Amino acid sequence: MIVSDAKPDRTDEQPDAASTGEPFLERWSRRKRAQDQATNTDQESEAAVAVPAVETAPAEPVLTDADMPPVESLDSDSDFSPFMSPGVSEQLRTRALRKLFHLPAFNITDGLNDYDEDFTRFAGLGDTVTHEMKRMLQRELEERSRVEEQEAGGADDRTRADIAAQAEDGQRSEADDSEADDAKEIS
């Protein structure tokens, strides 16, 4: 068996780009357009041959609002397709569709909506006490004990606070005096 490196003869194609100097993209674009034109003409000729004469069916009468049953009488077994007729008013069509989508078969939530549930009612934790709850209870107890101490020893705390404030004022005035003396010496 002899294997040939020769390329098959292509008579429908133009010579290589190397011999003609045609850039690759232009050659590709030209060949693509030629192929599309060939397939379009083939499809058109097949469509012309394959389409037999269509017999026209007798036209159905256009339904109007007067031809429709009352919307209140519709249920899950009713046929809603006549309401889609072009002769039916938009208002009646809307009422029929509203009735259709309020039926139990269509009124089912998918369960994927994150905000469908009622988050105001939640199950209690029971006997579980979290770390945060323990911390909040401890803080509340400390606050209550501090308030009770202040109420019981309110007069003592006030006098202590007054003494501390006076001592701070005295220290400030001494610091101000020493700064003033330093300023006089520098001048």
N, C-alpha and C. Protein backbone atom coordinates (compact mmCIF):
# COMPACT_ATOMS: atom_id res chain seq x y z
N MET A 1 0.86 -1.16 0.00
CA MET A 1 0.00 0.00 0.00
C MET A 1 0.91 1.23 0.00
N ILE A 2 0.66 2.13 -0.88
CA ILE A 2 1.48 3.33 -1.04
C ILE A 2 0.65 4.51 -0.55
N VAL A 3 1.25 5.25 0.36
CA VAL A 3 0.58 6.43 0.90
C VAL A 3 1.16 7.64 0.20
N SER A 4 0.32 8.44 -0.34
CA SER A 4 0.78 9.62 -1.07
C SER A 4 0.60 10.86 -0.22
N ASP A 5 1.56 11.73 -0.29
CA ASP A 5 1.47 13.01 0.42
C ASP A 5 0.77 14.06 -0.42
N ALA A 6 0.39 13.72 -1.59
CA ALA A 6 -0.24 14.69 -2.48
C ALA A 6 -1.64 15.01 -1.99
N LYS A 7 -2.01 16.27 -2.13
CA LYS A 7 -3.35 16.71 -1.73
C LYS A 7 -4.31 16.38 -2.86
N PRO A 8 -5.56 16.09 -2.52
CA PRO A 8 -6.53 15.81 -3.57
C PRO A 8 -6.73 17.03 -4.45
N ASP A 9 -7.08 16.79 -5.68
CA ASP A 9 -7.30 17.85 -6.64
C ASP A 9 -8.62 18.55 -6.34
N ARG A 10 -8.57 19.85 -6.17
CA ARG A 10 -9.80 20.61 -5.91
C ARG A 10 -9.94 21.61 -7.03
N THR A 11 -10.86 21.35 -7.89
CA THR A 11 -11.05 22.23 -9.03
C THR A 11 -11.98 23.38 -8.71
N ASP A 12 -12.83 23.21 -7.63
CA ASP A 12 -13.78 24.26 -7.31
C ASP A 12 -13.16 25.38 -6.48
N GLU A 13 -11.95 25.19 -5.97
CA GLU A 13 -11.31 26.19 -5.15
C GLU A 13 -10.26 26.95 -5.96
N GLN A 14 -9.98 28.13 -5.46
CA GLN A 14 -8.93 28.92 -6.09
C GLN A 14 -7.58 28.48 -5.56
N PRO A 15 -6.49 28.88 -6.19
CA PRO A 15 -5.16 28.48 -5.75
C PRO A 15 -4.86 28.96 -4.34
N ASP A 16 -3.83 28.40 -3.71
CA ASP A 16 -3.43 28.75 -2.35
C ASP A 16 -3.16 30.24 -2.23
N ALA A 17 -3.27 30.73 -0.98
CA ALA A 17 -3.03 32.14 -0.71
C ALA A 17 -1.57 32.50 -0.94
N ALA A 18 -0.68 31.53 -0.72
CA ALA A 18 0.74 31.82 -0.89
C ALA A 18 1.03 32.19 -2.34
N SER A 19 0.37 31.53 -3.28
CA SER A 19 0.63 31.83 -4.70
C SER A 19 -0.11 33.06 -5.17
N THR A 20 -1.29 33.39 -4.55
CA THR A 20 -2.05 34.57 -4.98
C THR A 20 -1.77 35.79 -4.15
N GLY A 21 -1.25 35.60 -2.94
CA GLY A 21 -0.98 36.74 -2.07
C GLY A 21 -2.22 37.20 -1.33
N GLU A 22 -3.31 36.44 -1.36
CA GLU A 22 -4.54 36.81 -0.66
C GLU A 22 -4.40 36.50 0.83
N PRO A 23 -4.68 37.47 1.71
CA PRO A 23 -4.59 37.22 3.15
C PRO A 23 -5.57 36.13 3.59
N PHE A 24 -5.24 35.49 4.69
CA PHE A 24 -6.01 34.35 5.17
C PHE A 24 -7.46 34.72 5.45
N LEU A 25 -7.71 35.82 6.19
CA LEU A 25 -9.09 36.18 6.57
C LEU A 25 -9.94 36.52 5.36
N GLU A 26 -9.36 37.17 4.37
CA GLU A 26 -10.14 37.48 3.16
C GLU A 26 -10.52 36.21 2.43
N ARG A 27 -9.59 35.27 2.34
CA ARG A 27 -9.88 34.00 1.68
C ARG A 27 -10.95 33.23 2.44
N TRP A 28 -10.82 33.21 3.76
CA TRP A 28 -11.81 32.50 4.58
C TRP A 28 -13.19 33.13 4.41
N SER A 29 -13.26 34.46 4.44
CA SER A 29 -14.52 35.16 4.29
C SER A 29 -15.15 34.87 2.93
N ARG A 30 -14.36 34.91 1.86
CA ARG A 30 -14.86 34.64 0.52
C ARG A 30 -15.43 33.23 0.43
N ARG A 31 -14.70 32.26 0.97
CA ARG A 31 -15.15 30.86 0.90
C ARG A 31 -16.41 30.64 1.73
N LYS A 32 -16.51 31.32 2.87
CA LYS A 32 -17.68 31.20 3.74
C LYS A 32 -18.92 31.77 3.05
N ARG A 33 -18.79 32.92 2.41
CA ARG A 33 -19.93 33.52 1.68
C ARG A 33 -20.37 32.62 0.54
N ALA A 34 -19.41 32.04 -0.18
CA ALA A 34 -19.76 31.15 -1.30
C ALA A 34 -20.51 29.92 -0.79
N GLN A 35 -20.07 29.38 0.33
CA GLN A 35 -20.73 28.20 0.90
C GLN A 35 -22.15 28.56 1.36
N ASP A 36 -22.33 29.72 2.03
CA ASP A 36 -23.65 30.14 2.48
C ASP A 36 -24.59 30.36 1.31
N GLN A 37 -24.10 30.96 0.23
CA GLN A 37 -24.95 31.18 -0.94
C GLN A 37 -25.38 29.86 -1.56
N ALA A 38 -24.48 28.89 -1.59
CA ALA A 38 -24.83 27.59 -2.16
C ALA A 38 -25.88 26.88 -1.33
N THR A 39 -25.78 26.94 -0.01
CA THR A 39 -26.78 26.27 0.85
C THR A 39 -28.12 27.00 0.79
N ASN A 40 -28.10 28.33 0.67
CA ASN A 40 -29.36 29.09 0.59
C ASN A 40 -30.11 28.74 -0.69
N THR A 41 -29.41 28.65 -1.80
CA THR A 41 -30.10 28.34 -3.07
C THR A 41 -30.62 26.91 -3.04
N ASP A 42 -29.88 25.98 -2.41
CA ASP A 42 -30.35 24.60 -2.29
C ASP A 42 -31.62 24.53 -1.46
N GLN A 43 -31.64 25.26 -0.36
CA GLN A 43 -32.80 25.24 0.52
C GLN A 43 -34.01 25.86 -0.14
N GLU A 44 -33.81 26.94 -0.87
CA GLU A 44 -34.92 27.60 -1.55
C GLU A 44 -35.53 26.69 -2.61
N SER A 45 -34.68 25.98 -3.36
CA SER A 45 -35.21 25.10 -4.39
C SER A 45 -35.95 23.92 -3.77
N GLU A 46 -35.45 23.38 -2.65
CA GLU A 46 -36.14 22.29 -1.98
C GLU A 46 -37.46 22.75 -1.41
N ALA A 47 -37.51 23.96 -0.86
CA ALA A 47 -38.73 24.49 -0.28
C ALA A 47 -39.78 24.71 -1.35
N ALA A 48 -39.35 25.16 -2.52
CA ALA A 48 -40.30 25.40 -3.61
C ALA A 48 -40.90 24.09 -4.10
N VAL A 49 -40.12 23.04 -4.10
CA VAL A 49 -40.61 21.75 -4.58
C VAL A 49 -41.46 21.07 -3.52
N ALA A 50 -41.09 21.19 -2.25
CA ALA A 50 -41.74 20.45 -1.18
C ALA A 50 -43.05 21.05 -0.72
N VAL A 51 -43.34 22.31 -1.00
CA VAL A 51 -44.54 22.94 -0.50
C VAL A 51 -45.69 22.71 -1.48
N PRO A 52 -46.63 21.85 -1.10
CA PRO A 52 -47.80 21.66 -1.95
C PRO A 52 -48.78 22.81 -1.73
N ALA A 53 -49.75 22.86 -2.52
CA ALA A 53 -50.76 23.90 -2.39
C ALA A 53 -51.51 23.68 -1.08
N VAL A 54 -51.56 24.73 -0.26
CA VAL A 54 -52.22 24.63 1.04
C VAL A 54 -53.69 24.92 0.85
N GLU A 55 -54.49 24.00 1.33
CA GLU A 55 -55.93 24.21 1.26
C GLU A 55 -56.33 25.10 2.42
N THR A 56 -57.09 26.08 2.14
CA THR A 56 -57.51 26.98 3.19
C THR A 56 -58.69 26.37 3.93
N ALA A 57 -58.54 26.34 5.24
CA ALA A 57 -59.61 25.80 6.07
C ALA A 57 -60.67 26.87 6.24
N PRO A 58 -61.89 26.45 6.45
CA PRO A 58 -62.93 27.46 6.65
C PRO A 58 -62.59 28.27 7.90
N ALA A 59 -62.70 29.57 7.79
CA ALA A 59 -62.34 30.46 8.89
C ALA A 59 -63.32 30.28 10.04
N GLU A 60 -62.77 30.17 11.24
CA GLU A 60 -63.60 30.05 12.42
C GLU A 60 -64.16 31.43 12.75
N PRO A 61 -65.36 31.49 13.24
CA PRO A 61 -65.91 32.80 13.58
C PRO A 61 -65.14 33.39 14.76
N VAL A 62 -64.95 34.68 14.73
CA VAL A 62 -64.23 35.37 15.80
C VAL A 62 -65.18 35.50 16.98
N LEU A 63 -64.71 35.03 18.13
CA LEU A 63 -65.53 35.08 19.34
C LEU A 63 -65.46 36.47 19.95
N THR A 64 -66.57 36.91 20.51
CA THR A 64 -66.64 38.22 21.15
C THR A 64 -67.05 38.05 22.62
N ASP A 65 -67.18 39.18 23.30
CA ASP A 65 -67.57 39.15 24.71
C ASP A 65 -68.94 38.50 24.91
N ALA A 66 -69.83 38.68 23.97
CA ALA A 66 -71.18 38.12 24.09
C ALA A 66 -71.16 36.59 24.02
N ASP A 67 -70.15 36.02 23.35
CA ASP A 67 -70.06 34.56 23.20
C ASP A 67 -69.44 33.88 24.43
N MET A 68 -68.87 34.63 25.33
CA MET A 68 -68.14 34.06 26.47
C MET A 68 -69.08 33.74 27.63
N PRO A 69 -68.76 32.68 28.37
CA PRO A 69 -69.54 32.39 29.58
C PRO A 69 -69.17 33.37 30.68
N PRO A 70 -70.02 33.52 31.70
CA PRO A 70 -69.67 34.44 32.79
C PRO A 70 -68.40 33.96 33.51
N VAL A 71 -67.57 34.89 33.88
CA VAL A 71 -66.29 34.57 34.51
C VAL A 71 -66.53 33.87 35.85
N GLU A 72 -67.60 34.22 36.57
CA GLU A 72 -67.88 33.62 37.87
C GLU A 72 -68.18 32.13 37.76
N SER A 73 -68.64 31.68 36.58
CA SER A 73 -68.99 30.27 36.42
C SER A 73 -67.79 29.39 36.05
N LEU A 74 -66.64 29.99 35.82
CA LEU A 74 -65.45 29.23 35.44
C LEU A 74 -64.87 28.50 36.64
N ASP A 75 -64.39 27.28 36.42
CA ASP A 75 -63.71 26.53 37.47
C ASP A 75 -62.51 25.81 36.87
N SER A 76 -61.91 24.89 37.59
CA SER A 76 -60.68 24.24 37.13
C SER A 76 -60.91 23.36 35.89
N ASP A 77 -62.14 22.94 35.63
CA ASP A 77 -62.42 22.11 34.46
C ASP A 77 -62.81 22.93 33.23
N SER A 78 -62.95 24.22 33.37
CA SER A 78 -63.39 25.08 32.27
C SER A 78 -62.29 25.28 31.24
N ASP A 79 -62.71 25.60 30.02
CA ASP A 79 -61.77 25.88 28.94
C ASP A 79 -61.61 27.40 28.85
N PHE A 80 -60.39 27.87 29.07
CA PHE A 80 -60.11 29.30 29.06
C PHE A 80 -59.61 29.79 27.71
N SER A 81 -59.41 28.88 26.76
CA SER A 81 -58.85 29.28 25.47
C SER A 81 -59.75 30.22 24.67
N PRO A 82 -61.07 30.14 24.74
CA PRO A 82 -61.87 31.11 23.98
C PRO A 82 -61.64 32.55 24.42
N PHE A 83 -61.22 32.75 25.65
CA PHE A 83 -60.97 34.11 26.13
C PHE A 83 -59.75 34.73 25.47
N MET A 84 -58.94 33.93 24.78
CA MET A 84 -57.75 34.44 24.10
C MET A 84 -58.06 34.88 22.67
N SER A 85 -59.27 34.77 22.25
CA SER A 85 -59.68 35.17 20.91
C SER A 85 -59.48 36.67 20.73
N PRO A 86 -59.10 37.11 19.52
CA PRO A 86 -58.85 38.54 19.31
C PRO A 86 -60.10 39.41 19.47
N GLY A 87 -61.28 38.84 19.38
CA GLY A 87 -62.51 39.62 19.50
C GLY A 87 -62.92 39.87 20.94
N VAL A 88 -62.29 39.22 21.90
CA VAL A 88 -62.64 39.38 23.30
C VAL A 88 -61.94 40.63 23.84
N SER A 89 -62.68 41.41 24.63
CA SER A 89 -62.11 42.64 25.17
C SER A 89 -60.98 42.33 26.16
N GLU A 90 -60.08 43.27 26.29
CA GLU A 90 -58.92 43.10 27.18
C GLU A 90 -59.37 42.97 28.63
N GLN A 91 -60.42 43.70 29.00
CA GLN A 91 -60.92 43.66 30.37
C GLN A 91 -61.47 42.27 30.72
N LEU A 92 -62.25 41.68 29.82
CA LEU A 92 -62.81 40.35 30.06
C LEU A 92 -61.70 39.30 30.06
N ARG A 93 -60.74 39.43 29.17
CA ARG A 93 -59.61 38.49 29.12
C ARG A 93 -58.82 38.55 30.45
N THR A 94 -58.60 39.75 30.95
CA THR A 94 -57.88 39.92 32.21
C THR A 94 -58.63 39.30 33.36
N ARG A 95 -59.94 39.50 33.42
CA ARG A 95 -60.74 38.89 34.49
C ARG A 95 -60.69 37.38 34.42
N ALA A 96 -60.74 36.81 33.22
CA ALA A 96 -60.70 35.36 33.06
C ALA A 96 -59.33 34.81 33.48
N LEU A 97 -58.27 35.49 33.08
CA LEU A 97 -56.94 35.04 33.47
C LEU A 97 -56.72 35.17 34.97
N ARG A 98 -57.26 36.21 35.57
CA ARG A 98 -57.16 36.37 37.02
C ARG A 98 -57.86 35.21 37.72
N LYS A 99 -59.04 34.86 37.21
CA LYS A 99 -59.79 33.73 37.76
C LYS A 99 -58.99 32.43 37.59
N LEU A 100 -58.37 32.26 36.43
CA LEU A 100 -57.58 31.06 36.16
C LEU A 100 -56.40 30.94 37.13
N PHE A 101 -55.68 32.01 37.33
CA PHE A 101 -54.48 31.94 38.15
C PHE A 101 -54.78 31.98 39.65
N HIS A 102 -56.02 32.22 40.03
CA HIS A 102 -56.40 32.10 41.43
C HIS A 102 -56.90 30.70 41.77
N LEU A 103 -57.00 29.84 40.78
CA LEU A 103 -57.40 28.45 41.03
C LEU A 103 -56.30 27.74 41.81
N PRO A 104 -56.65 26.75 42.65
CA PRO A 104 -55.64 26.06 43.47
C PRO A 104 -54.50 25.43 42.66
N ALA A 105 -54.76 24.99 41.46
CA ALA A 105 -53.72 24.35 40.65
C ALA A 105 -52.60 25.32 40.30
N PHE A 106 -52.92 26.60 40.17
CA PHE A 106 -51.91 27.61 39.80
C PHE A 106 -51.46 28.43 41.00
N ASN A 107 -52.13 28.31 42.11
CA ASN A 107 -51.83 29.15 43.27
C ASN A 107 -50.93 28.42 44.25
N ILE A 108 -49.83 27.90 43.77
CA ILE A 108 -48.88 27.16 44.59
C ILE A 108 -47.56 27.92 44.59
N THR A 109 -47.05 28.21 45.78
CA THR A 109 -45.75 28.86 45.84
C THR A 109 -44.67 27.82 45.61
N ASP A 110 -43.58 28.23 45.06
CA ASP A 110 -42.53 27.29 44.68
C ASP A 110 -41.61 26.90 45.83
N GLY A 111 -41.66 27.60 46.94
CA GLY A 111 -40.81 27.26 48.07
C GLY A 111 -39.40 27.81 47.96
N LEU A 112 -39.10 28.49 46.87
CA LEU A 112 -37.76 29.05 46.68
C LEU A 112 -37.68 30.51 47.09
N ASN A 113 -38.81 31.11 47.41
CA ASN A 113 -38.81 32.51 47.81
C ASN A 113 -38.30 32.61 49.24
N ASP A 114 -37.26 33.38 49.45
CA ASP A 114 -36.65 33.50 50.77
C ASP A 114 -37.56 34.22 51.75
N TYR A 115 -38.40 35.11 51.28
CA TYR A 115 -39.18 35.95 52.18
C TYR A 115 -40.65 35.52 52.24
N ASP A 116 -40.96 34.30 51.87
CA ASP A 116 -42.34 33.81 51.93
C ASP A 116 -42.76 33.44 53.34
N GLU A 117 -41.82 33.08 54.17
CA GLU A 117 -42.16 32.58 55.49
C GLU A 117 -42.44 33.73 56.45
N ASP A 118 -43.14 33.40 57.54
CA ASP A 118 -43.42 34.38 58.58
C ASP A 118 -42.31 34.29 59.61
N PHE A 119 -41.40 35.26 59.60
CA PHE A 119 -40.27 35.23 60.50
C PHE A 119 -40.55 35.93 61.83
N THR A 120 -41.79 36.39 62.05
CA THR A 120 -42.12 37.01 63.33
C THR A 120 -42.41 35.96 64.38
N ARG A 121 -42.74 34.77 63.98
CA ARG A 121 -43.00 33.67 64.91
C ARG A 121 -41.90 32.64 64.72
N PHE A 122 -41.15 32.40 65.77
CA PHE A 122 -40.06 31.45 65.66
C PHE A 122 -40.10 30.51 66.85
N ALA A 123 -39.51 29.38 66.70
CA ALA A 123 -39.46 28.39 67.77
C ALA A 123 -38.49 28.86 68.84
N GLY A 124 -38.88 28.68 70.08
CA GLY A 124 -38.02 29.08 71.19
C GLY A 124 -36.79 28.19 71.26
N LEU A 125 -35.79 28.67 71.99
CA LEU A 125 -34.56 27.90 72.12
C LEU A 125 -34.67 26.80 73.18
N GLY A 126 -35.72 26.86 74.00
CA GLY A 126 -35.87 25.85 75.04
C GLY A 126 -34.89 26.11 76.17
N ASP A 127 -34.16 25.08 76.61
CA ASP A 127 -33.22 25.19 77.72
C ASP A 127 -31.85 25.68 77.26
N THR A 128 -31.68 25.93 75.99
CA THR A 128 -30.40 26.34 75.46
C THR A 128 -30.11 27.79 75.83
N VAL A 129 -28.95 28.03 76.40
CA VAL A 129 -28.52 29.39 76.74
C VAL A 129 -27.21 29.62 76.00
N THR A 130 -27.23 30.60 75.12
CA THR A 130 -26.04 30.86 74.31
C THR A 130 -25.04 31.72 75.07
N HIS A 131 -23.84 31.81 74.55
CA HIS A 131 -22.79 32.62 75.16
C HIS A 131 -23.22 34.09 75.22
N GLU A 132 -23.84 34.55 74.15
CA GLU A 132 -24.28 35.94 74.10
C GLU A 132 -25.35 36.20 75.15
N MET A 133 -26.25 35.24 75.37
CA MET A 133 -27.28 35.41 76.38
C MET A 133 -26.66 35.48 77.78
N LYS A 134 -25.65 34.66 78.05
CA LYS A 134 -24.97 34.69 79.34
C LYS A 134 -24.29 36.04 79.55
N ARG A 135 -23.65 36.56 78.49
CA ARG A 135 -22.97 37.84 78.59
C ARG A 135 -23.96 38.97 78.86
N MET A 136 -25.11 38.93 78.19
CA MET A 136 -26.13 39.97 78.39
C MET A 136 -26.70 39.89 79.80
N LEU A 137 -26.92 38.69 80.34
CA LEU A 137 -27.42 38.55 81.70
C LEU A 137 -26.40 39.09 82.70
N GLN A 138 -25.13 38.79 82.50
CA GLN A 138 -24.08 39.28 83.39
C GLN A 138 -24.04 40.81 83.37
N ARG A 139 -24.14 41.40 82.18
CA ARG A 139 -24.11 42.85 82.07
C ARG A 139 -25.32 43.47 82.77
N GLU A 140 -26.48 42.84 82.64
CA GLU A 140 -27.70 43.34 83.29
C GLU A 140 -27.56 43.27 84.81
N LEU A 141 -27.01 42.18 85.33
CA LEU A 141 -26.81 42.05 86.78
C LEU A 141 -25.83 43.10 87.29
N GLU A 142 -24.76 43.35 86.55
CA GLU A 142 -23.80 44.37 86.95
C GLU A 142 -24.43 45.75 86.96
N GLU A 143 -25.25 46.03 85.96
CA GLU A 143 -25.92 47.33 85.88
C GLU A 143 -26.88 47.51 87.06
N ARG A 144 -27.63 46.47 87.40
CA ARG A 144 -28.56 46.55 88.53
C ARG A 144 -27.81 46.76 89.85
N SER A 145 -26.72 46.02 90.02
CA SER A 145 -25.98 46.18 91.28
C SER A 145 -25.37 47.57 91.38
N ARG A 146 -24.91 48.14 90.30
CA ARG A 146 -24.36 49.49 90.30
C ARG A 146 -25.43 50.51 90.65
N VAL A 147 -26.63 50.35 90.10
CA VAL A 147 -27.73 51.27 90.38
C VAL A 147 -28.12 51.17 91.85
N GLU A 148 -28.17 49.95 92.40
CA GLU A 148 -28.52 49.78 93.81
C GLU A 148 -27.48 50.41 94.72
N GLU A 149 -26.22 50.27 94.37
CA GLU A 149 -25.15 50.89 95.17
C GLU A 149 -25.25 52.40 95.13
N GLN A 150 -25.57 52.94 93.99
CA GLN A 150 -25.69 54.39 93.87
C GLN A 150 -26.87 54.90 94.68
N GLU A 151 -27.97 54.15 94.68
CA GLU A 151 -29.14 54.58 95.45
C GLU A 151 -28.87 54.48 96.95
N ALA A 152 -28.18 53.42 97.38
CA ALA A 152 -27.90 53.23 98.80
C ALA A 152 -26.87 54.24 99.30
N GLY A 153 -25.85 54.45 98.58
CA GLY A 153 -24.79 55.35 99.03
C GLY A 153 -24.73 56.59 98.19
N GLY A 154 -25.86 57.15 97.83
CA GLY A 154 -25.92 58.31 96.94
C GLY A 154 -25.24 59.52 97.52
N ALA A 155 -25.43 59.79 98.84
CA ALA A 155 -24.84 60.97 99.47
C ALA A 155 -23.33 60.83 99.56
N ASP A 156 -22.86 59.61 99.91
CA ASP A 156 -21.43 59.40 100.01
C ASP A 156 -20.75 59.55 98.65
N ASP A 157 -21.40 59.04 97.61
CA ASP A 157 -20.83 59.14 96.26
C ASP A 157 -20.74 60.59 95.80
N ARG A 158 -21.77 61.38 96.19
CA ARG A 158 -21.77 62.78 95.76
C ARG A 158 -20.63 63.53 96.44
N THR A 159 -20.44 63.29 97.69
CA THR A 159 -19.37 64.01 98.38
C THR A 159 -18.02 63.56 97.87
N ARG A 160 -17.87 62.27 97.60
CA ARG A 160 -16.62 61.78 97.03
C ARG A 160 -16.37 62.40 95.66
N ALA A 161 -17.44 62.51 94.85
CA ALA A 161 -17.30 63.11 93.53
C ALA A 161 -16.92 64.58 93.65
N ASP A 162 -17.52 65.30 94.65
CA ASP A 162 -17.20 66.71 94.83
C ASP A 162 -15.75 66.88 95.25
N ILE A 163 -15.28 66.02 96.16
CA ILE A 163 -13.90 66.10 96.63
C ILE A 163 -12.93 65.82 95.48
N ALA A 164 -13.26 64.82 94.67
CA ALA A 164 -12.40 64.49 93.54
C ALA A 164 -12.37 65.63 92.54
N ALA A 165 -13.50 66.29 92.31
CA ALA A 165 -13.55 67.41 91.37
C ALA A 165 -12.75 68.59 91.89
N GLN A 166 -12.85 68.86 93.20
CA GLN A 166 -12.10 69.96 93.77
C GLN A 166 -10.60 69.70 93.71
N ALA A 167 -10.23 68.44 93.94
CA ALA A 167 -8.81 68.09 93.88
C ALA A 167 -8.28 68.28 92.47
N GLU A 168 -9.06 67.90 91.50
CA GLU A 168 -8.64 68.08 90.10
C GLU A 168 -8.51 69.55 89.77
N ASP A 169 -9.46 70.37 90.25
CA ASP A 169 -9.40 71.82 89.98
C ASP A 169 -8.16 72.42 90.64
N GLY A 170 -7.83 71.94 91.86
CA GLY A 170 -6.65 72.43 92.55
C GLY A 170 -5.38 72.06 91.79
N GLN A 171 -5.33 70.85 91.29
CA GLN A 171 -4.16 70.42 90.53
C GLN A 171 -4.03 71.22 89.25
N ARG A 172 -5.15 71.52 88.63
CA ARG A 172 -5.12 72.31 87.39
C ARG A 172 -4.60 73.72 87.66
N SER A 173 -5.10 74.30 88.74
CA SER A 173 -4.68 75.69 89.02
C SER A 173 -3.20 75.74 89.36
N GLU A 174 -2.68 74.73 90.08
CA GLU A 174 -1.25 74.68 90.37
C GLU A 174 -0.44 74.53 89.09
N ALA A 175 -0.94 73.69 88.15
CA ALA A 175 -0.23 73.49 86.88
C ALA A 175 -0.24 74.77 86.07
N ASP A 176 -1.36 75.50 86.09
CA ASP A 176 -1.44 76.76 85.36
C ASP A 176 -0.48 77.78 85.94
N ASP A 177 -0.38 77.81 87.30
CA ASP A 177 0.52 78.76 87.95
C ASP A 177 1.97 78.46 87.59
N SER A 178 2.36 77.18 87.58
CA SER A 178 3.74 76.84 87.27
C SER A 178 4.07 77.16 85.82
N GLU A 179 3.11 77.00 84.93
CA GLU A 179 3.33 77.35 83.53
C GLU A 179 3.51 78.85 83.37
N ALA A 180 2.73 79.62 84.12
CA ALA A 180 2.85 81.07 84.06
C ALA A 180 4.21 81.52 84.57
N ASP A 181 4.68 80.88 85.65
CA ASP A 181 5.99 81.23 86.19
C ASP A 181 7.09 80.90 85.18
N ASP A 182 6.98 79.77 84.51
CA ASP A 182 7.96 79.38 83.49
C ASP A 182 7.97 80.40 82.34
N ALA A 183 6.84 80.90 81.99
CA ALA A 183 6.74 81.85 80.89
C ALA A 183 7.40 83.17 81.28
N LYS A 184 7.26 83.58 82.59
CA LYS A 184 7.85 84.85 83.04
C LYS A 184 9.38 84.74 83.04
N GLU A 185 9.87 83.56 83.42
CA GLU A 185 11.32 83.37 83.46
C GLU A 185 11.93 83.41 82.07
N ILE A 186 11.23 82.90 81.10
CA ILE A 186 11.75 82.85 79.73
C ILE A 186 11.78 84.26 79.15
N SER A 187 10.84 85.12 79.50
CA SER A 187 10.79 86.43 78.91
C SER A 187 11.81 87.28 79.55
